[in-house]
Amino acid sequence: QAQLVESGGGLVQSGGSLRLTCAGSGFTLSDVIMTWHRQAPGKAREWVAAFAPGGATFYTDSVKGRFTASRDDAKNELYLQMDNLQLEDTAVYYCQNFDSQTWGQGTQVTVSS
């Protein structure tokens, strides 16, 4: 049974950094398209980044240059390094197996001023 578990969220001051981890089980992350999404309070869930099986990465404009997705195939984990965090980055962050539409439970990121 495919599962995803996110971790690494927390409270950080504006301008700070966090690294989110998405641990996969029941399937191989490197075989599928993996995506990161976020949902801010009162807003719809939005796509943040994608990581293709071959290693190509894609980002929504608002995080380009600040967020970096990476993958550790040995650990079957996906990461989202988030630098220069801003107040508007506050949200619950989710990883997704795009191919199977499997979601993790999410991890809260709160950016304070």
C-alpha atoms as a PDB file:
ATOM      1  CA  GLN A   1       0.000   0.000   0.000  1.00  0.00           C
ATOM      2  CA  ALA A   2       1.510   3.280  -1.121  1.00  0.00           C
ATOM      3  CA  GLN A   3       1.959   5.848   1.617  1.00  0.00           C
ATOM      4  CA  LEU A   4       3.560   9.254   1.989  1.00  0.00           C
ATOM      5  CA  VAL A   5       4.548  10.920   5.255  1.00  0.00           C
ATOM      6  CA  GLU A   6       5.656  14.540   5.422  1.00  0.00           C
ATOM      7  CA  SER A   7       7.790  16.021   8.187  1.00  0.00           C
ATOM      8  CA  GLY A   8       9.967  19.037   8.859  1.00  0.00           C
ATOM      9  CA  GLY A   9       7.395  21.759   9.206  1.00  0.00           C
ATOM     10  CA  GLY A  10       7.475  24.280  12.011  1.00  0.00           C
ATOM     11  CA  LEU A  11       7.586  27.927  13.003  1.00  0.00           C
ATOM     12  CA  VAL A  12      10.242  30.105  11.417  1.00  0.00           C
ATOM     13  CA  GLN A  13      10.859  33.829  11.190  1.00  0.00           C
ATOM     14  CA  SER A  14      10.573  35.655   7.906  1.00  0.00           C
ATOM     15  CA  GLY A  15      13.766  35.164   5.917  1.00  0.00           C
ATOM     16  CA  GLY A  16      14.483  31.827   7.568  1.00  0.00           C
ATOM     17  CA  SER A  17      14.704  28.325   6.134  1.00  0.00           C
ATOM     18  CA  LEU A  18      13.094  24.935   6.572  1.00  0.00           C
ATOM     19  CA  ARG A  19      13.540  21.596   4.847  1.00  0.00           C
ATOM     20  CA  LEU A  20      10.520  19.392   4.398  1.00  0.00           C
ATOM     21  CA  THR A  21      10.826  15.641   3.972  1.00  0.00           C
ATOM     22  CA  CYS A  22       8.383  13.326   2.218  1.00  0.00           C
ATOM     23  CA  ALA A  23       9.045   9.673   3.001  1.00  0.00           C
ATOM     24  CA  GLY A  24       7.551   7.160   0.614  1.00  0.00           C
ATOM     25  CA  SER A  25       6.666   3.525   1.226  1.00  0.00           C
ATOM     26  CA  GLY A  26       5.012   0.865  -0.900  1.00  0.00           C
ATOM     27  CA  PHE A  27       6.398   2.311  -4.120  1.00  0.00           C
ATOM     28  CA  THR A  28       9.594   3.832  -5.524  1.00  0.00           C
ATOM     29  CA  LEU A  29       9.616   7.632  -5.639  1.00  0.00           C
ATOM     30  CA  SER A  30      12.083   7.727  -8.513  1.00  0.00           C
ATOM     31  CA  ASP A  31       9.617   5.848 -10.763  1.00  0.00           C
ATOM     32  CA  VAL A  32       6.892   8.493 -10.572  1.00  0.00           C
ATOM     33  CA  ILE A  33       6.275  12.211 -10.791  1.00  0.00           C
ATOM     34  CA  MET A  34       6.267  13.638  -7.278  1.00  0.00           C
ATOM     35  CA  THR A  35       4.770  16.997  -6.443  1.00  0.00           C
ATOM     36  CA  TRP A  36       4.612  19.418  -3.539  1.00  0.00           C
ATOM     37  CA  HIS A  37       1.489  21.439  -2.831  1.00  0.00           C
ATOM     38  CA  ARG A  38       0.392  23.820  -0.103  1.00  0.00           C
ATOM     39  CA  GLN A  39      -2.850  25.101   1.322  1.00  0.00           C
ATOM     40  CA  ALA A  40      -3.032  28.366   3.202  1.00  0.00           C
ATOM     41  CA  PRO A  41      -5.904  29.119   5.591  1.00  0.00           C
ATOM     42  CA  GLY A  42      -9.044  29.945   3.649  1.00  0.00           C
ATOM     43  CA  LYS A  43      -7.421  29.277   0.300  1.00  0.00           C
ATOM     44  CA  ALA A  44      -7.457  26.480  -2.230  1.00  0.00           C
ATOM     45  CA  ARG A  45      -4.610  23.992  -2.356  1.00  0.00           C
ATOM     46  CA  GLU A  46      -1.981  25.115  -4.849  1.00  0.00           C
ATOM     47  CA  TRP A  47       0.826  23.371  -6.659  1.00  0.00           C
ATOM     48  CA  VAL A  48       4.319  24.401  -5.540  1.00  0.00           C
ATOM     49  CA  ALA A  49       6.878  22.109  -7.206  1.00  0.00           C
ATOM     50  CA  ALA A  50       7.291  18.945  -9.226  1.00  0.00           C
ATOM     51  CA  PHE A  51      10.105  16.418  -9.413  1.00  0.00           C
ATOM     52  CA  ALA A  52      10.201  14.197 -12.473  1.00  0.00           C
ATOM     53  CA  PRO A  53      11.635  10.657 -12.489  1.00  0.00           C
ATOM     54  CA  GLY A  54      14.627  11.819 -14.523  1.00  0.00           C
ATOM     55  CA  GLY A  55      15.415  14.570 -12.040  1.00  0.00           C
ATOM     56  CA  ALA A  56      13.923  17.601 -13.746  1.00  0.00           C
ATOM     57  CA  THR A  57      12.293  20.064 -11.377  1.00  0.00           C
ATOM     58  CA  PHE A  58       9.575  22.631 -11.878  1.00  0.00           C
ATOM     59  CA  TYR A  59       8.368  25.408  -9.592  1.00  0.00           C
ATOM     60  CA  THR A  60       5.508  27.824  -9.367  1.00  0.00           C
ATOM     61  CA  ASP A  61       6.672  31.387  -9.983  1.00  0.00           C
ATOM     62  CA  SER A  62       6.218  32.571  -6.406  1.00  0.00           C
ATOM     63  CA  VAL A  63       8.849  30.152  -5.059  1.00  0.00           C
ATOM     64  CA  LYS A  64      11.381  30.118  -7.897  1.00  0.00           C
ATOM     65  CA  GLY A  65      14.837  30.931  -6.596  1.00  0.00           C
ATOM     66  CA  ARG A  66      13.789  30.265  -3.000  1.00  0.00           C
ATOM     67  CA  PHE A  67      12.601  26.636  -2.933  1.00  0.00           C
ATOM     68  CA  THR A  68      14.552  23.617  -4.151  1.00  0.00           C
ATOM     69  CA  ALA A  69      13.201  20.098  -4.560  1.00  0.00           C
ATOM     70  CA  SER A  70      15.515  17.114  -4.324  1.00  0.00           C
ATOM     71  CA  ARG A  71      15.334  13.366  -3.873  1.00  0.00           C
ATOM     72  CA  ASP A  72      17.335  10.675  -2.089  1.00  0.00           C
ATOM     73  CA  ASP A  73      16.732   7.445  -3.954  1.00  0.00           C
ATOM     74  CA  ALA A  74      18.497   5.327  -1.338  1.00  0.00           C
ATOM     75  CA  LYS A  75      16.121   6.595   1.333  1.00  0.00           C
ATOM     76  CA  ASN A  76      13.105   6.818  -0.972  1.00  0.00           C
ATOM     77  CA  GLU A  77      12.567  10.369   0.218  1.00  0.00           C
ATOM     78  CA  LEU A  78      11.712  13.653  -1.428  1.00  0.00           C
ATOM     79  CA  TYR A  79      12.747  17.003   0.031  1.00  0.00           C
ATOM     80  CA  LEU A  80      11.726  20.609  -0.288  1.00  0.00           C
ATOM     81  CA  GLN A  81      14.376  23.071   0.836  1.00  0.00           C
ATOM     82  CA  MET A  82      12.678  26.390   1.509  1.00  0.00           C
ATOM     83  CA  ASP A  83      14.856  29.459   1.897  1.00  0.00           C
ATOM     84  CA  ASN A  84      14.038  33.124   2.436  1.00  0.00           C
ATOM     85  CA  LEU A  85      10.607  32.165   3.711  1.00  0.00           C
ATOM     86  CA  GLN A  86       7.961  34.865   3.614  1.00  0.00           C
ATOM     87  CA  LEU A  87       4.710  35.373   5.511  1.00  0.00           C
ATOM     88  CA  GLU A  88       2.741  34.273   2.449  1.00  0.00           C
ATOM     89  CA  ASP A  89       4.470  30.879   2.532  1.00  0.00           C
ATOM     90  CA  THR A  90       2.508  29.982   5.656  1.00  0.00           C
ATOM     91  CA  ALA A  91       0.461  26.905   4.794  1.00  0.00           C
ATOM     92  CA  VAL A  92       0.092  23.183   5.242  1.00  0.00           C
ATOM     93  CA  TYR A  93       2.468  21.515   2.809  1.00  0.00           C
ATOM     94  CA  TYR A  94       1.644  18.209   1.168  1.00  0.00           C
ATOM     95  CA  CYS A  95       3.587  15.846  -1.059  1.00  0.00           C
ATOM     96  CA  GLN A  96       1.829  13.791  -3.704  1.00  0.00           C
ATOM     97  CA  ASN A  97       2.502  10.787  -5.882  1.00  0.00           C
ATOM     98  CA  PHE A  98       1.109  12.422  -9.022  1.00  0.00           C
ATOM     99  CA  ASP A  99       0.750   9.145 -10.891  1.00  0.00           C
ATOM    100  CA  SER A 100      -1.418   7.440  -8.255  1.00  0.00           C
ATOM    101  CA  GLN A 101      -2.853  10.645  -6.759  1.00  0.00           C
ATOM    102  CA  THR A 102      -1.697   9.531  -3.306  1.00  0.00           C
ATOM    103  CA  TRP A 103      -1.327  12.332  -0.753  1.00  0.00           C
ATOM    104  CA  GLY A 104       0.518  12.617   2.514  1.00  0.00           C
ATOM    105  CA  GLN A 105      -1.104  13.999   5.661  1.00  0.00           C
ATOM    106  CA  GLY A 106       0.629  17.367   5.400  1.00  0.00           C
ATOM    107  CA  THR A 107       2.997  19.344   7.595  1.00  0.00           C
ATOM    108  CA  GLN A 108       2.367  22.855   8.885  1.00  0.00           C
ATOM    109  CA  VAL A 109       4.751  25.671   8.001  1.00  0.00           C
ATOM    110  CA  THR A 110       4.232  28.959   9.802  1.00  0.00           C
ATOM    111  CA  VAL A 111       6.295  32.031   8.985  1.00  0.00           C
ATOM    112  CA  SER A 112       6.273  34.867  11.507  1.00  0.00           C
ATOM    113  CA  SER A 113       7.379  38.470  11.125  1.00  0.00           C
END
